[in-house]
Protein backbone atom coordinates (compact mmCIF):
# COMPACT_ATOMS: atom_id res chain seq x y z
CA MET A 1 0.18 0.33 -0.08
CA PHE A 2 1.11 3.48 -0.61
CA ASP A 3 -0.33 7.34 -0.37
CA ILE A 4 -1.85 8.88 -3.68
CA GLU A 5 -2.29 12.53 -3.25
CA LEU A 6 -3.11 13.81 -6.79
CA LEU A 7 -2.59 17.41 -5.08
CA PHE A 8 -2.29 18.52 -8.76
CA GLY A 9 -6.23 17.73 -8.96
CA LEU A 10 -7.12 20.84 -6.29
CA GLY A 11 -6.25 24.09 -8.11
CA PRO A 12 -7.60 22.57 -11.54
CA SER A 13 -11.37 22.09 -9.82
CA LEU A 14 -11.49 25.01 -7.63
CA TYR A 15 -10.53 27.37 -11.05
CA LEU A 16 -13.22 25.24 -13.01
CA PHE A 17 -15.66 24.90 -10.85
CA VAL A 18 -15.66 28.82 -10.08
CA LYS A 19 -15.24 29.46 -13.68
CA ALA A 20 -18.43 27.14 -14.94
CA SER A 21 -20.24 28.93 -12.04
CA THR A 22 -19.82 32.56 -13.13
CA ASN A 23 -20.53 31.64 -16.80
CA SER A 24 -22.45 28.58 -17.46
CA PRO A 25 -23.16 26.51 -14.40
CA GLY A 26 -23.29 22.97 -15.65
CA GLN A 27 -21.46 23.00 -19.04
CA PHE A 28 -17.77 21.42 -19.13
CA ILE A 29 -15.87 22.99 -22.22
CA ARG A 30 -13.51 19.96 -23.81
CA ARG A 31 -10.65 22.73 -24.28
CA TYR A 32 -10.56 22.79 -20.46
CA TYR A 33 -8.96 19.20 -20.22
CA TRP A 34 -5.38 19.69 -20.36
CA HIS A 35 -5.58 21.65 -16.73
CA TYR A 36 -5.83 17.98 -16.02
CA LEU A 37 -3.12 16.76 -17.68
CA PRO A 38 -0.24 17.09 -14.81
CA VAL A 39 -3.20 14.92 -12.37
CA ALA A 40 -2.54 12.29 -14.99
CA LEU A 41 1.29 12.47 -14.83
CA GLU A 42 1.17 12.47 -11.14
CA PHE A 43 -1.00 9.50 -11.20
CA SER A 44 1.46 7.57 -13.83
CA TYR A 45 3.95 8.71 -11.27
CA TYR A 46 2.70 6.87 -8.33
CA LEU A 47 2.59 3.42 -9.81
CA THR A 48 6.15 3.80 -10.83
CA PRO A 49 8.52 1.94 -8.64
CA ALA A 50 10.26 5.36 -8.63
CA TYR A 51 7.89 6.57 -6.22
CA ARG A 52 6.93 3.63 -4.01
CA GLN A 53 11.11 2.78 -3.15
CA VAL A 54 11.65 6.44 -2.45
CA GLN A 55 12.52 7.43 1.01
CA HIS A 56 10.06 10.66 1.67
CA HIS A 57 12.56 13.51 2.91
CA LEU A 58 12.45 17.07 2.33
CA ILE A 59 15.74 17.89 4.21
CA SER A 60 17.88 15.62 3.26
CA TRP A 61 20.15 16.52 -0.08
CA PRO A 62 18.82 13.84 -2.66
CA SER A 63 20.98 11.10 -3.57
CA ASP A 64 19.03 9.30 -6.61
CA THR A 65 17.23 10.35 -9.49
CA SER A 66 13.81 8.40 -7.33
CA HIS A 67 14.49 11.33 -4.68
CA TRP A 68 14.90 14.01 -7.18
CA LEU A 69 11.03 13.16 -8.75
CA TRP A 70 9.46 13.15 -5.51
CA LEU A 71 10.94 16.40 -4.64
CA VAL A 72 10.13 17.99 -8.10
CA GLU A 73 6.89 16.82 -7.73
CA GLN A 74 5.78 18.03 -4.41
CA ALA A 75 7.16 21.27 -4.99
CA GLY A 76 5.12 21.27 -8.49
CA ALA A 77 2.06 20.45 -6.61
CA VAL A 78 2.73 23.35 -4.40
CA ILE A 79 3.47 25.62 -7.15
CA SER A 80 0.09 24.54 -9.37
CA LEU A 81 -2.34 25.34 -6.23
CA LEU A 82 -0.84 28.49 -5.53
CA THR A 83 -1.09 29.38 -8.91
CA TYR A 84 -4.48 28.22 -9.50
CA LEU A 85 -5.67 30.49 -6.11
CA TYR A 86 -3.97 33.34 -7.72
CA LEU A 87 -6.19 32.64 -11.45
CA THR A 88 -9.26 31.75 -9.56
CA SER A 89 -9.11 35.18 -7.55
CA ARG A 90 -8.30 37.16 -10.20
CA TRP A 91 -10.96 36.24 -12.24
CA LEU A 92 -13.65 36.63 -9.34
CA SER A 93 -12.13 40.09 -8.94
CA ARG A 94 -12.86 40.90 -12.89
CA HIS A 95 -15.96 38.99 -12.90
CA LYS A 96 -16.99 41.37 -9.62
CA LYS A 97 -15.84 44.37 -11.73
CA GLU A 98 -17.88 43.14 -15.08
CA LEU A 99 -21.28 41.89 -13.04
CA LEU A 100 -24.62 44.11 -12.99
CA SER A 101 -24.45 44.70 -9.09
CA SER A 102 -27.79 43.02 -8.39
CA PRO A 103 -28.17 41.29 -5.53
CA GLY A 104 -28.44 37.61 -7.03
CA GLN A 105 -25.24 38.14 -9.04
CA GLN A 106 -23.67 39.62 -5.60
CA GLN A 107 -25.08 36.49 -3.68
CA ILE A 108 -23.47 33.93 -6.28
CA LEU A 109 -19.75 35.35 -6.12
CA ARG A 110 -20.48 35.83 -2.46
CA TRP A 111 -20.75 31.80 -2.27
CA LEU A 112 -18.03 31.47 -4.28
CA GLU A 113 -15.40 33.47 -2.23
CA LYS A 114 -16.14 30.67 0.29
CA PRO A 115 -14.19 27.59 -1.58
CA VAL A 116 -11.11 29.59 -2.37
CA ARG A 117 -10.96 31.10 1.33
CA PHE A 118 -11.05 27.64 2.28
CA TYR A 119 -8.43 26.23 0.27
CA ALA A 120 -6.02 29.30 0.97
CA LEU A 121 -6.56 28.22 4.76
CA PHE A 122 -5.95 25.03 4.14
CA TRP A 123 -3.03 25.12 2.35
CA LEU A 124 -1.41 27.91 4.81
CA ALA A 125 -2.39 24.81 7.37
CA TRP A 126 -0.70 22.41 5.36
CA LEU A 127 2.31 24.55 4.89
CA GLY A 128 2.98 25.27 8.50
CA LEU A 129 2.42 21.58 9.73
CA ARG A 130 5.02 20.45 6.94
CA THR A 131 7.43 23.04 8.16
CA LEU A 132 6.63 21.96 11.92
CA ASP A 133 7.41 18.74 10.78
CA VAL A 134 10.85 19.79 8.87
CA GLY A 135 12.10 22.02 11.26
CA GLN A 136 11.33 21.02 14.68
CA PHE A 137 10.72 16.90 14.43
CA GLY A 138 13.16 16.39 11.37
CA GLU A 139 10.27 14.98 9.42
CA SER A 140 9.43 12.70 12.16
CA LEU A 141 5.59 13.09 12.36
CA PRO A 142 3.96 9.84 11.85
CA ILE A 143 1.24 10.08 8.86
CA ASN A 144 -1.74 10.36 11.13
CA ALA A 145 -0.77 13.63 12.42
CA TYR A 146 -2.13 14.91 9.18
CA TYR A 147 -5.04 13.06 9.49
CA PRO A 148 -7.16 15.76 10.36
CA LEU A 149 -6.37 18.20 8.16
CA LEU A 150 -6.94 15.70 5.22
CA VAL A 151 -10.15 14.76 6.78
CA LEU A 152 -11.03 18.17 6.66
CA LEU A 153 -10.19 18.81 3.20
CA SER A 154 -12.10 15.52 2.03
CA GLY A 155 -15.17 16.50 3.89
CA THR A 156 -15.10 20.30 2.86
CA SER A 157 -14.59 19.29 -0.83
CA CYS A 158 -17.45 17.03 -0.83
CA TRP A 159 -19.66 19.99 0.52
CA ILE A 160 -18.73 22.23 -1.86
CA GLY A 161 -19.55 19.93 -4.34
CA PHE A 162 -22.91 19.16 -3.22
CA VAL A 163 -24.09 23.05 -2.30
CA GLY A 164 -22.83 23.63 -6.32
CA TYR A 165 -24.43 21.06 -7.88
CA THR A 166 -27.46 21.41 -5.76
CA TYR A 167 -27.43 25.18 -5.53
CA SER A 168 -30.57 27.39 -6.78
CA TYR A 169 -28.44 30.02 -9.36
CA PRO A 170 -30.84 32.99 -9.04
CA GLU A 171 -30.37 33.53 -12.70
CA GLN A 172 -32.21 29.90 -13.45
CA GLY A 173 -34.92 30.54 -10.72
CA LEU A 174 -37.00 32.18 -13.67
CA THR A 175 -39.58 30.51 -15.63
CA VAL A 176 -38.33 30.97 -19.15
CA ALA A 177 -40.63 30.71 -21.97
CA VAL A 178 -38.57 28.00 -24.04
CA ALA A 179 -38.76 27.37 -27.82
CA ALA A 180 -40.08 24.12 -28.74
CA ASN A 181 -37.07 23.22 -30.40
CA SER A 182 -34.27 25.10 -28.50
CA GLU A 183 -32.51 21.95 -27.39
CA ALA A 184 -32.04 20.55 -31.13
CA LEU A 185 -30.38 23.86 -32.08
CA LEU A 186 -27.46 23.78 -29.78
CA SER A 187 -25.27 21.81 -32.64
CA GLN A 188 -26.71 24.02 -35.20
CA ASP A 189 -25.74 27.31 -36.81
CA HIS A 190 -26.29 30.47 -34.38
CA SER A 191 -27.29 32.94 -36.95
CA ALA A 192 -30.86 33.18 -36.47
CA GLN A 193 -30.38 33.30 -32.55
CA LEU A 194 -27.56 35.31 -33.07
CA ASP A 195 -30.11 38.28 -34.85
CA GLN A 196 -32.39 37.81 -32.03
CA LEU A 197 -30.34 38.90 -29.50
CA ARG A 198 -29.14 41.60 -31.79
CA GLN A 199 -32.43 42.79 -32.14
CA ALA A 200 -33.05 42.33 -28.69
CA MET A 201 -30.44 44.92 -27.95
CA GLU A 202 -30.52 47.18 -30.57
CA THR A 203 -34.24 47.71 -31.59
CA ASP A 204 -35.93 46.81 -27.93
CA GLN A 205 -32.69 48.36 -26.22
CA LEU A 206 -33.06 45.87 -23.23
CA TYR A 207 -29.44 46.88 -22.16
CA LEU A 208 -31.06 49.94 -20.80
CA ASN A 209 -32.76 47.63 -18.13
CA ALA A 210 -30.06 47.56 -15.21
CA GLN A 211 -31.54 44.73 -13.42
CA LEU A 212 -31.45 42.70 -16.89
CA SER A 213 -29.87 39.04 -16.42
CA LEU A 214 -29.40 35.99 -18.61
CA ALA A 215 -32.79 34.99 -17.78
CA HIS A 216 -34.56 37.72 -18.67
CA LEU A 217 -32.87 38.39 -22.05
CA ALA A 218 -33.46 34.38 -22.99
CA GLN A 219 -37.31 35.00 -21.67
CA HIS A 220 -37.33 37.68 -24.07
CA VAL A 221 -36.31 35.74 -27.30
CA HIS A 222 -37.77 32.85 -26.20
CA LEU A 223 -35.05 30.97 -26.07
CA ASN A 224 -33.00 28.40 -23.29
CA PRO A 225 -30.50 30.42 -21.09
CA ARG A 226 -28.10 27.60 -21.65
CA LEU A 227 -28.64 28.09 -25.52
CA VAL A 228 -28.38 31.86 -25.08
CA SER A 229 -25.10 31.40 -23.44
CA LYS A 230 -23.27 29.11 -25.97
CA VAL A 231 -24.81 31.14 -29.31
CA LEU A 232 -23.00 34.55 -27.25
CA ASN A 233 -19.89 32.15 -26.54
CA GLU A 234 -19.29 30.30 -29.56
CA GLY A 235 -21.09 32.98 -32.20
CA LEU A 236 -19.10 36.12 -30.57
CA GLY A 237 -16.64 34.81 -28.12
CA LYS A 238 -18.27 36.41 -25.38
CA SER A 239 -20.18 36.25 -22.27
CA PHE A 240 -23.76 37.35 -21.61
CA TYR A 241 -22.00 40.64 -19.50
CA GLU A 242 -19.67 41.48 -21.95
CA PHE A 243 -22.30 41.27 -24.64
CA VAL A 244 -24.89 43.40 -22.51
CA ASN A 245 -21.97 45.99 -21.45
CA ALA A 246 -20.63 46.44 -25.03
CA TYR A 247 -23.91 47.99 -25.91
CA ARG A 248 -23.84 50.49 -22.96
CA VAL A 249 -20.47 51.11 -23.32
CA GLU A 250 -21.59 52.56 -26.96
CA ALA A 251 -24.96 54.19 -25.80
CA VAL A 252 -22.61 56.24 -23.42
CA LYS A 253 -20.29 57.39 -26.19
CA GLU A 254 -23.17 58.32 -28.34
CA LYS A 255 -24.68 60.66 -24.97
CA LEU A 256 -21.34 61.81 -24.36
CA VAL A 257 -21.13 63.93 -27.86
CA ASN A 258 -24.74 64.55 -28.03
CA ALA A 259 -25.67 68.09 -27.22
CA ARG A 260 -29.28 67.06 -25.83
CA TYR A 261 -27.37 65.14 -22.72
CA GLN A 262 -24.58 67.82 -21.90
CA HIS A 263 -26.74 68.62 -18.52
CA LEU A 264 -26.26 65.31 -16.99
CA THR A 265 -22.74 64.04 -15.49
CA PHE A 266 -20.89 61.31 -16.49
CA LEU A 267 -22.26 59.01 -13.79
CA GLY A 268 -25.67 60.18 -14.93
CA LEU A 269 -25.04 59.15 -18.47
CA ALA A 270 -24.18 55.75 -17.29
CA PHE A 271 -27.27 55.19 -15.60
CA GLU A 272 -29.17 56.56 -18.39
CA SER A 273 -27.33 53.84 -20.39
CA GLY A 274 -27.98 50.99 -18.09
CA PHE A 275 -25.19 50.82 -15.75
CA ASN A 276 -25.77 50.97 -12.09
CA SER A 277 -22.27 50.74 -10.60
CA LYS A 278 -19.69 54.01 -10.90
CA ALA A 279 -17.30 51.19 -10.43
CA THR A 280 -18.02 48.60 -13.05
CA PHE A 281 -18.72 51.89 -15.60
CA ASN A 282 -15.35 53.15 -15.03
CA TYR A 283 -13.64 50.26 -15.33
CA LEU A 284 -15.67 49.11 -18.57
CA PHE A 285 -15.51 52.57 -20.28
CA LYS A 286 -11.72 52.36 -19.94
CA LYS A 287 -11.41 48.56 -21.20
CA HIS A 288 -13.32 49.34 -24.22
CA THR A 289 -12.23 52.69 -25.54
CA GLY A 290 -9.02 52.92 -23.41
CA LEU A 291 -10.02 56.21 -22.36
CA THR A 292 -11.67 57.89 -19.28
CA PRO A 293 -15.23 59.54 -20.04
CA LYS A 294 -13.15 63.08 -19.73
CA GLN A 295 -10.12 62.15 -22.05
CA TYR A 296 -13.44 60.53 -24.87
CA VAL A 297 -14.74 63.86 -24.83
CA ALA A 298 -11.60 65.64 -25.24
CA ALA A 299 -10.56 63.57 -27.73
CA HIS A 300 -13.51 63.84 -29.94
CA HIS A 301 -13.70 67.46 -29.55
CA GLN A 302 -10.01 67.67 -31.05
CA ALA A 303 -10.95 65.86 -33.64
CA ASN A 304 -13.80 67.88 -34.53
CA SER A 305 -12.11 70.65 -34.78
CA GLY A 306 -9.17 69.41 -36.47
CA ALA A 307 -12.02 68.35 -39.18
CA VAL A 308 -13.51 72.25 -39.11
CA ASN A 309 -9.97 73.52 -39.68
CA ARG A 310 -9.13 71.37 -42.70
CA SER A 311 -12.65 72.26 -44.27
CA GLU A 312 -12.29 75.69 -43.81
CA SER A 313 -8.50 75.63 -45.45
CA THR A 314 -10.28 73.37 -48.44
CA HIS A 315 -13.03 75.99 -48.93
CA SER A 316 -10.40 79.19 -48.68
CA ASP A 317 -8.31 77.53 -51.36
CA ASP A 318 -11.25 76.81 -53.66
CA SER A 319 -12.53 80.51 -53.17
CA PRO A 320 -12.11 82.53 -56.55
CA PRO A 321 -9.34 85.49 -56.62
CA ASP A 322 -10.58 88.94 -55.71
CA ASP A 323 -10.62 91.36 -58.70
CA THR A 324 -7.94 93.64 -58.16
């Protein structure tokens, strides 16, 4: 008998769980399988004599290839989990900025932050115990000293998986009128559905609703929410939030240079265009245009004044000479 840890699987599982929960829960994309390649390699390594015969010590200088392999595997596991904790935290931070700040969406984010904090605390506790074992006991602590942490990890991981599987996502709580053939369209061309979604934005201007959700949009176009998410992802390479917020940014850009809206502040224009958060508006406007609203207005005025000057110069060159 020998121990199989498969620590390389913790980080990818957390990252993909959070990513799926903030995009399209329950939908796993094949291109994500490569995240588990290190797990397959780790499992293969555990089956080799090189793992079963090695003396597992961190503080002694490796004397053979088997010991070197074990140290590389241990270091790789630490690096893997820390990397995926960073990627998960960055994903949540970016998603929080792009989200509409509705109570339901904030509820999802608060729930997803719990497993991130747990795995971060678990890894700190594990590293602390390993440091104590190496520094104070010369790696002589029996394996059962680690059992409480391992049992906590296993139990909490099962709990996170169960709650995540049974969690009622707010956007999926609405009753949606689904077209009878919407599931059959999953593998077909999406141009017709894209036209419907664009019409919902450009003609019906649903983006002006600050509380617009994926379920509301799906209900409006009579499609399944999963189908809408898939169409946007495969047809435009965008998430629901990216799709809607792009129209809001364009609406703000038009209003910024329209004299009819000069009485409104930048934040007022943002609210008029469907945003309901100053931080989200500022972040997305800069992301789409590379400029702040003030810089965008100044650049527009400068471009217009340059065009006027060129026009006046052209008219001056074309005018007939004076009869003198």
